[in-house]
Amino acid sequence: MQSQHVLGHHILLELHDCNDALLNDVQKIKTIMCQAVHKAKATIVAEHFHHFLPYGVSGVVIIQESHLTIHTWPEYRYAAIDIFTCNSKLALQEAVQYITEEFNAGNATQQYLHRGK
């Protein structure tokens, strides 16, 4: 049986021309991502962030409604961010706008996918 309704909402956010020092600061990235969850009106369950040597950060914020992830490449001034939720009532664009502004992205693009349709 194939589902006729959407199970998930997934935003793939591409941030280019960001501040390279910020993209390498695991504590600031953690703060931005957790604050984005609050902007979306979601609920944090857990989070984990890792700083790679010599540079780069990967992190995940598990939310009651699914997750947000980030992977940074400071040497390219680039960040890849996923925002995924099974709750269509969350303010996902509020989170996208906040993240884009906080990382000072010179160029940002997003793809919106329906999952499980």
Protein backbone atom coordinates (compact mmCIF):
# COMPACT_ATOMS: atom_id res chain seq x y z
CA MET A 1 0.00 0.00 0.00
CA GLN A 2 1.44 3.36 -1.03
CA SER A 3 1.05 6.40 1.20
CA GLN A 4 -0.92 9.32 -0.30
CA HIS A 5 0.12 11.85 2.34
CA VAL A 6 3.48 13.37 3.16
CA LEU A 7 5.33 11.78 6.06
CA GLY A 8 8.21 14.23 6.22
CA HIS A 9 9.40 17.67 5.17
CA HIS A 10 13.09 17.97 4.32
CA ILE A 11 15.00 21.15 3.54
CA LEU A 12 18.48 20.89 2.05
CA LEU A 13 20.18 24.21 2.76
CA GLU A 14 23.39 25.17 0.95
CA LEU A 15 25.33 28.10 2.43
CA HIS A 16 28.20 29.58 0.41
CA ASP A 17 30.57 32.48 1.11
CA CYS A 18 30.27 32.15 4.89
CA ASN A 19 32.75 33.35 7.51
CA ASP A 20 35.43 30.63 7.56
CA ALA A 21 36.33 31.18 11.22
CA LEU A 22 32.69 30.75 12.25
CA LEU A 23 32.42 27.53 10.22
CA ASN A 24 35.26 26.12 12.32
CA ASP A 25 33.88 27.15 15.74
CA VAL A 26 32.07 24.13 17.16
CA GLN A 27 30.56 26.01 20.13
CA LYS A 28 29.10 28.82 18.00
CA ILE A 29 27.77 26.31 15.49
CA LYS A 30 26.11 24.34 18.29
CA THR A 31 24.52 27.52 19.63
CA ILE A 32 23.22 28.55 16.19
CA MET A 33 21.78 25.13 15.41
CA CYS A 34 20.08 24.77 18.80
CA GLN A 35 18.67 28.29 18.53
CA ALA A 36 17.34 27.43 15.05
CA VAL A 37 15.39 24.57 16.64
CA HIS A 38 13.76 27.06 19.00
CA LYS A 39 12.98 29.39 16.07
CA ALA A 40 11.21 26.47 14.36
CA LYS A 41 9.25 25.82 17.58
CA ALA A 42 10.61 22.29 17.81
CA THR A 43 11.79 20.32 20.85
CA ILE A 44 15.41 19.27 21.37
CA VAL A 45 15.95 15.68 22.48
CA ALA A 46 19.75 15.46 22.13
CA GLU A 47 22.67 17.00 20.24
CA HIS A 48 26.18 16.06 19.30
CA PHE A 49 28.84 18.11 17.51
CA HIS A 50 32.35 17.15 16.47
CA HIS A 51 35.28 19.37 15.44
CA PHE A 52 37.60 17.79 12.89
CA LEU A 53 41.32 18.49 12.68
CA PRO A 54 42.58 20.56 11.07
CA TYR A 55 39.16 22.10 10.43
CA GLY A 56 35.47 21.45 9.88
CA VAL A 57 32.50 20.63 12.06
CA SER A 58 29.72 18.06 11.82
CA GLY A 59 26.76 18.05 14.12
CA VAL A 60 23.25 16.85 14.70
CA VAL A 61 20.40 18.12 16.81
CA ILE A 62 17.84 15.39 17.37
CA ILE A 63 14.43 16.93 17.80
CA GLN A 64 11.25 15.28 18.93
CA GLU A 65 10.01 15.91 15.39
CA SER A 66 13.17 14.48 13.64
CA HIS A 67 16.56 16.27 13.19
CA LEU A 68 18.80 19.10 11.99
CA THR A 69 22.32 18.36 10.75
CA ILE A 70 25.28 20.46 9.65
CA HIS A 71 28.58 19.74 7.95
CA THR A 72 31.05 22.58 7.37
CA TRP A 73 34.01 23.08 5.08
CA PRO A 74 35.67 26.28 6.33
CA GLU A 75 38.37 26.03 3.66
CA TYR A 76 35.59 26.46 1.04
CA ARG A 77 33.49 28.82 3.19
CA TYR A 78 30.62 26.33 2.76
CA ALA A 79 28.06 24.61 5.00
CA ALA A 80 25.55 21.88 4.15
CA ILE A 81 22.52 21.82 6.44
CA ASP A 82 19.55 19.45 6.55
CA ILE A 83 16.34 20.26 8.36
CA PHE A 84 14.00 17.27 8.50
CA THR A 85 10.70 16.96 10.31
CA CYS A 86 7.56 14.88 10.36
CA ASN A 87 5.58 17.83 11.79
CA SER A 88 4.16 20.11 9.09
CA LYS A 89 3.28 22.76 11.67
CA LEU A 90 6.88 23.69 12.52
CA ALA A 91 8.24 27.07 11.40
CA LEU A 92 10.94 25.64 9.13
CA GLN A 93 11.49 28.83 7.14
CA GLU A 94 12.09 30.71 10.39
CA ALA A 95 14.91 28.27 11.13
CA VAL A 96 16.30 28.57 7.58
CA GLN A 97 16.30 32.38 7.74
CA TYR A 98 17.95 32.39 11.17
CA ILE A 99 20.70 29.93 10.14
CA THR A 100 21.39 31.81 6.89
CA GLU A 101 21.70 35.14 8.70
CA GLU A 102 23.82 33.79 11.56
CA PHE A 103 26.36 32.20 9.21
CA ASN A 104 26.49 35.42 7.17
CA ALA A 105 26.01 33.44 3.97
CA GLY A 106 26.77 35.44 0.85
CA ASN A 107 24.81 32.92 -1.19
CA ALA A 108 22.16 30.52 0.07
CA THR A 109 20.00 28.03 -1.78
CA GLN A 110 17.49 25.51 -0.54
CA GLN A 111 15.63 22.50 -1.85
CA TYR A 112 12.38 21.41 -0.25
CA LEU A 113 11.53 17.72 -0.45
CA HIS A 114 8.46 15.80 0.61
CA ARG A 115 9.47 12.47 2.15
CA GLY A 116 7.37 9.32 2.21
CA LYS A 117 4.84 10.63 -0.29
